[in-house]
Amino acid sequence: MFVALWEYEVKPGSEESFENAYGPGGGWAKLFRSDPNYRETRLLRDPYRPATYLTLDFWNSREAYEQFMAIHKNMHKMLDAAGEELTSKERRIGWYELVVP
């Protein structure tokens, strides 16, 4: 399993729009669901810094994620541009793979 982890700082007043766009029912998850290697998206908000959110996108593998993003780069750019209207900062925390004992 692979997880792409992103952090966002949301502009004041844009929280609900951001949650709708980046949550499990938003545009990113809808796009991702077109691929059988996509598993789920989770959206977390920091209770101590309420403008700070994390997205966790779960995939079967890093390769599947990278291939999907390469194929859908135009849609990715469009969704990313729309998200920039809602955020003041976006940072890739990292890409993580499940460690199997």
N, C-alpha and C. Protein backbone atom coordinates (compact mmCIF):
# COMPACT_ATOMS: atom_id res chain seq x y z
N MET A 1 0.84 -1.17 0.00
CA MET A 1 0.00 0.00 0.00
C MET A 1 0.89 1.24 0.00
N PHE A 2 0.39 2.28 -0.65
CA PHE A 2 1.10 3.55 -0.81
C PHE A 2 0.18 4.69 -0.37
N VAL A 3 0.76 5.71 0.28
CA VAL A 3 -0.01 6.88 0.71
C VAL A 3 0.73 8.14 0.26
N ALA A 4 0.01 9.03 -0.44
CA ALA A 4 0.52 10.36 -0.77
C ALA A 4 -0.05 11.31 0.27
N LEU A 5 0.83 12.00 0.97
CA LEU A 5 0.44 12.84 2.10
C LEU A 5 0.76 14.30 1.80
N TRP A 6 -0.27 15.16 1.85
CA TRP A 6 -0.14 16.59 1.55
C TRP A 6 -0.67 17.41 2.72
N GLU A 7 -0.05 18.58 2.92
CA GLU A 7 -0.51 19.52 3.94
C GLU A 7 -0.94 20.81 3.25
N TYR A 8 -2.05 21.38 3.74
CA TYR A 8 -2.59 22.61 3.17
C TYR A 8 -2.90 23.60 4.28
N GLU A 9 -2.67 24.87 4.00
CA GLU A 9 -3.16 25.93 4.86
C GLU A 9 -4.27 26.62 4.09
N VAL A 10 -5.47 26.58 4.66
CA VAL A 10 -6.66 27.05 3.97
C VAL A 10 -6.91 28.52 4.32
N LYS A 11 -7.28 29.28 3.29
CA LYS A 11 -7.58 30.70 3.49
C LYS A 11 -8.82 30.85 4.37
N PRO A 12 -8.83 31.88 5.24
CA PRO A 12 -10.01 32.10 6.09
C PRO A 12 -11.28 32.24 5.25
N GLY A 13 -12.31 31.56 5.69
CA GLY A 13 -13.59 31.59 4.99
C GLY A 13 -13.72 30.56 3.89
N SER A 14 -12.64 29.82 3.59
CA SER A 14 -12.66 28.83 2.51
C SER A 14 -12.71 27.39 3.02
N GLU A 15 -12.88 27.23 4.32
CA GLU A 15 -12.79 25.90 4.91
C GLU A 15 -13.84 24.93 4.34
N GLU A 16 -15.08 25.36 4.28
CA GLU A 16 -16.13 24.45 3.79
C GLU A 16 -15.90 24.08 2.33
N SER A 17 -15.54 25.06 1.51
CA SER A 17 -15.26 24.78 0.09
C SER A 17 -14.07 23.84 -0.05
N PHE A 18 -13.04 24.06 0.77
CA PHE A 18 -11.87 23.19 0.73
C PHE A 18 -12.26 21.76 1.12
N GLU A 19 -13.00 21.62 2.20
CA GLU A 19 -13.41 20.29 2.66
C GLU A 19 -14.24 19.57 1.60
N ASN A 20 -15.10 20.31 0.91
CA ASN A 20 -15.90 19.70 -0.16
C ASN A 20 -15.03 19.29 -1.35
N ALA A 21 -14.02 20.09 -1.66
CA ALA A 21 -13.17 19.81 -2.82
C ALA A 21 -12.14 18.71 -2.56
N TYR A 22 -11.62 18.66 -1.35
CA TYR A 22 -10.51 17.75 -1.05
C TYR A 22 -10.91 16.52 -0.23
N GLY A 23 -12.13 16.47 0.22
CA GLY A 23 -12.59 15.33 0.99
C GLY A 23 -12.92 14.14 0.11
N PRO A 24 -13.43 13.07 0.70
CA PRO A 24 -13.73 11.84 -0.04
C PRO A 24 -14.75 11.99 -1.16
N GLY A 25 -15.58 13.03 -1.12
CA GLY A 25 -16.56 13.26 -2.18
C GLY A 25 -16.15 14.34 -3.17
N GLY A 26 -14.94 14.87 -3.00
CA GLY A 26 -14.48 15.98 -3.83
C GLY A 26 -13.91 15.57 -5.18
N GLY A 27 -13.49 16.58 -5.91
CA GLY A 27 -13.00 16.37 -7.27
C GLY A 27 -11.80 15.45 -7.38
N TRP A 28 -10.87 15.57 -6.44
CA TRP A 28 -9.69 14.70 -6.49
C TRP A 28 -10.10 13.24 -6.33
N ALA A 29 -10.90 12.96 -5.30
CA ALA A 29 -11.30 11.58 -5.05
C ALA A 29 -12.14 11.04 -6.21
N LYS A 30 -13.00 11.88 -6.78
CA LYS A 30 -13.79 11.44 -7.94
C LYS A 30 -12.90 11.07 -9.10
N LEU A 31 -11.87 11.87 -9.34
CA LEU A 31 -10.92 11.56 -10.41
C LEU A 31 -10.18 10.26 -10.09
N PHE A 32 -9.68 10.15 -8.88
CA PHE A 32 -8.92 8.96 -8.48
C PHE A 32 -9.75 7.69 -8.59
N ARG A 33 -11.05 7.77 -8.27
CA ARG A 33 -11.90 6.58 -8.29
C ARG A 33 -12.02 5.94 -9.68
N SER A 34 -11.61 6.64 -10.70
CA SER A 34 -11.65 6.05 -12.04
C SER A 34 -10.56 4.99 -12.24
N ASP A 35 -9.66 4.86 -11.27
CA ASP A 35 -8.57 3.89 -11.36
C ASP A 35 -8.77 2.77 -10.34
N PRO A 36 -8.69 1.51 -10.76
CA PRO A 36 -8.90 0.40 -9.82
C PRO A 36 -7.82 0.28 -8.74
N ASN A 37 -6.68 0.97 -8.92
CA ASN A 37 -5.62 0.91 -7.92
C ASN A 37 -5.78 1.92 -6.80
N TYR A 38 -6.74 2.82 -6.94
CA TYR A 38 -7.04 3.80 -5.89
C TYR A 38 -7.86 3.14 -4.80
N ARG A 39 -7.54 3.46 -3.55
CA ARG A 39 -8.27 2.84 -2.43
C ARG A 39 -9.17 3.83 -1.70
N GLU A 40 -8.63 4.98 -1.27
CA GLU A 40 -9.47 5.96 -0.58
C GLU A 40 -8.69 7.25 -0.32
N THR A 41 -9.44 8.29 0.02
CA THR A 41 -8.87 9.57 0.44
C THR A 41 -9.41 9.89 1.82
N ARG A 42 -8.52 10.36 2.67
CA ARG A 42 -8.93 10.83 4.00
C ARG A 42 -8.49 12.28 4.14
N LEU A 43 -9.33 13.07 4.77
CA LEU A 43 -9.05 14.48 5.00
C LEU A 43 -9.04 14.70 6.50
N LEU A 44 -7.95 15.27 7.01
CA LEU A 44 -7.80 15.54 8.44
C LEU A 44 -7.60 17.04 8.66
N ARG A 45 -8.15 17.54 9.77
CA ARG A 45 -7.95 18.93 10.14
C ARG A 45 -7.32 18.99 11.52
N ASP A 46 -6.35 19.87 11.69
CA ASP A 46 -5.65 20.05 12.95
C ASP A 46 -6.56 20.84 13.91
N PRO A 47 -6.95 20.27 15.05
CA PRO A 47 -7.84 20.98 15.97
C PRO A 47 -7.18 22.19 16.64
N TYR A 48 -5.86 22.22 16.66
CA TYR A 48 -5.15 23.33 17.29
C TYR A 48 -4.76 24.41 16.29
N ARG A 49 -4.74 24.05 15.03
CA ARG A 49 -4.49 25.00 13.94
C ARG A 49 -5.56 24.72 12.89
N PRO A 50 -6.78 25.24 13.09
CA PRO A 50 -7.92 24.84 12.25
C PRO A 50 -7.81 25.17 10.77
N ALA A 51 -6.86 25.99 10.38
CA ALA A 51 -6.67 26.27 8.95
C ALA A 51 -5.76 25.23 8.29
N THR A 52 -5.20 24.32 9.09
CA THR A 52 -4.26 23.33 8.58
C THR A 52 -4.94 21.98 8.38
N TYR A 53 -4.80 21.46 7.17
CA TYR A 53 -5.41 20.18 6.80
C TYR A 53 -4.34 19.25 6.22
N LEU A 54 -4.61 17.95 6.32
CA LEU A 54 -3.81 16.93 5.65
C LEU A 54 -4.74 16.12 4.76
N THR A 55 -4.25 15.76 3.57
CA THR A 55 -4.94 14.76 2.76
C THR A 55 -4.06 13.53 2.69
N LEU A 56 -4.69 12.39 2.76
CA LEU A 56 -4.02 11.11 2.64
C LEU A 56 -4.72 10.35 1.52
N ASP A 57 -4.00 10.11 0.44
CA ASP A 57 -4.54 9.39 -0.70
C ASP A 57 -3.91 8.00 -0.73
N PHE A 58 -4.73 6.98 -0.57
CA PHE A 58 -4.26 5.60 -0.48
C PHE A 58 -4.39 4.91 -1.84
N TRP A 59 -3.31 4.28 -2.25
CA TRP A 59 -3.23 3.56 -3.52
C TRP A 59 -2.63 2.18 -3.28
N ASN A 60 -2.82 1.29 -4.23
CA ASN A 60 -2.22 -0.05 -4.12
C ASN A 60 -0.70 0.00 -4.19
N SER A 61 -0.15 0.96 -4.96
CA SER A 61 1.30 1.07 -5.09
C SER A 61 1.69 2.47 -5.53
N ARG A 62 2.93 2.82 -5.28
CA ARG A 62 3.47 4.10 -5.74
C ARG A 62 3.47 4.16 -7.25
N GLU A 63 3.82 3.05 -7.88
CA GLU A 63 3.86 3.00 -9.34
C GLU A 63 2.49 3.31 -9.94
N ALA A 64 1.45 2.74 -9.35
CA ALA A 64 0.09 2.98 -9.85
C ALA A 64 -0.28 4.45 -9.71
N TYR A 65 0.07 5.06 -8.57
CA TYR A 65 -0.19 6.48 -8.34
C TYR A 65 0.54 7.34 -9.35
N GLU A 66 1.84 7.08 -9.53
CA GLU A 66 2.63 7.88 -10.46
C GLU A 66 2.12 7.74 -11.90
N GLN A 67 1.77 6.54 -12.29
CA GLN A 67 1.25 6.32 -13.64
C GLN A 67 -0.07 7.06 -13.83
N PHE A 68 -0.95 6.98 -12.84
CA PHE A 68 -2.24 7.67 -12.92
C PHE A 68 -2.02 9.17 -13.05
N MET A 69 -1.14 9.73 -12.23
CA MET A 69 -0.90 11.17 -12.26
C MET A 69 -0.30 11.61 -13.60
N ALA A 70 0.56 10.79 -14.18
CA ALA A 70 1.15 11.13 -15.48
C ALA A 70 0.08 11.12 -16.58
N ILE A 71 -0.78 10.14 -16.55
CA ILE A 71 -1.83 10.02 -17.57
C ILE A 71 -2.84 11.17 -17.45
N HIS A 72 -3.14 11.58 -16.23
CA HIS A 72 -4.17 12.60 -15.97
C HIS A 72 -3.57 13.95 -15.59
N LYS A 73 -2.40 14.28 -16.12
CA LYS A 73 -1.73 15.51 -15.70
C LYS A 73 -2.53 16.77 -16.04
N ASN A 74 -3.29 16.78 -17.12
CA ASN A 74 -4.09 17.97 -17.45
C ASN A 74 -5.21 18.18 -16.44
N MET A 75 -5.88 17.11 -16.05
CA MET A 75 -6.94 17.23 -15.05
C MET A 75 -6.32 17.60 -13.71
N HIS A 76 -5.16 17.05 -13.42
CA HIS A 76 -4.44 17.38 -12.18
C HIS A 76 -4.16 18.87 -12.12
N LYS A 77 -3.68 19.45 -13.21
CA LYS A 77 -3.39 20.89 -13.25
C LYS A 77 -4.66 21.71 -13.03
N MET A 78 -5.75 21.29 -13.61
CA MET A 78 -7.01 22.01 -13.47
C MET A 78 -7.52 21.98 -12.03
N LEU A 79 -7.51 20.80 -11.41
CA LEU A 79 -7.94 20.69 -10.02
C LEU A 79 -7.00 21.43 -9.08
N ASP A 80 -5.71 21.36 -9.36
CA ASP A 80 -4.73 22.05 -8.54
C ASP A 80 -4.93 23.57 -8.61
N ALA A 81 -5.19 24.09 -9.79
CA ALA A 81 -5.41 25.53 -9.96
C ALA A 81 -6.66 25.97 -9.19
N ALA A 82 -7.71 25.17 -9.21
CA ALA A 82 -8.92 25.50 -8.46
C ALA A 82 -8.64 25.49 -6.97
N GLY A 83 -7.81 24.56 -6.52
CA GLY A 83 -7.45 24.47 -5.11
C GLY A 83 -6.62 25.64 -4.63
N GLU A 84 -5.82 26.20 -5.51
CA GLU A 84 -4.98 27.35 -5.14
C GLU A 84 -5.82 28.55 -4.73
N GLU A 85 -7.05 28.63 -5.21
CA GLU A 85 -7.95 29.71 -4.82
C GLU A 85 -8.37 29.58 -3.36
N LEU A 86 -8.31 28.37 -2.82
CA LEU A 86 -8.78 28.09 -1.47
C LEU A 86 -7.67 28.04 -0.43
N THR A 87 -6.43 27.96 -0.89
CA THR A 87 -5.31 27.75 0.04
C THR A 87 -4.26 28.84 -0.07
N SER A 88 -3.55 29.03 1.04
CA SER A 88 -2.43 29.96 1.02
C SER A 88 -1.10 29.22 0.98
N LYS A 89 -1.15 27.91 1.26
CA LYS A 89 0.08 27.11 1.26
C LYS A 89 -0.27 25.66 0.98
N GLU A 90 0.59 25.02 0.20
CA GLU A 90 0.44 23.58 -0.10
C GLU A 90 1.83 22.98 -0.02
N ARG A 91 1.94 21.84 0.66
CA ARG A 91 3.24 21.21 0.82
C ARG A 91 3.10 19.69 0.77
N ARG A 92 3.92 19.08 -0.06
CA ARG A 92 3.95 17.62 -0.08
C ARG A 92 4.74 17.17 1.15
N ILE A 93 4.08 16.49 2.05
CA ILE A 93 4.75 15.95 3.24
C ILE A 93 5.64 14.78 2.83
N GLY A 94 5.09 13.93 1.99
CA GLY A 94 5.88 12.79 1.54
C GLY A 94 5.02 11.70 0.94
N TRP A 95 5.71 10.73 0.39
CA TRP A 95 5.10 9.54 -0.15
C TRP A 95 5.55 8.38 0.71
N TYR A 96 4.60 7.60 1.17
CA TYR A 96 4.91 6.55 2.13
C TYR A 96 4.38 5.21 1.63
N GLU A 97 5.15 4.17 1.93
CA GLU A 97 4.77 2.81 1.60
C GLU A 97 4.67 1.98 2.86
N LEU A 98 3.73 1.07 2.87
CA LEU A 98 3.53 0.18 4.00
C LEU A 98 4.76 -0.70 4.21
N VAL A 99 5.20 -0.76 5.45
CA VAL A 99 6.33 -1.63 5.79
C VAL A 99 5.74 -2.97 6.23
N VAL A 100 6.10 -3.99 5.51
CA VAL A 100 5.59 -5.33 5.80
C VAL A 100 6.65 -6.07 6.62
N PRO A 101 6.26 -6.57 7.80
CA PRO A 101 7.24 -7.28 8.64
C PRO A 101 7.68 -8.59 8.04
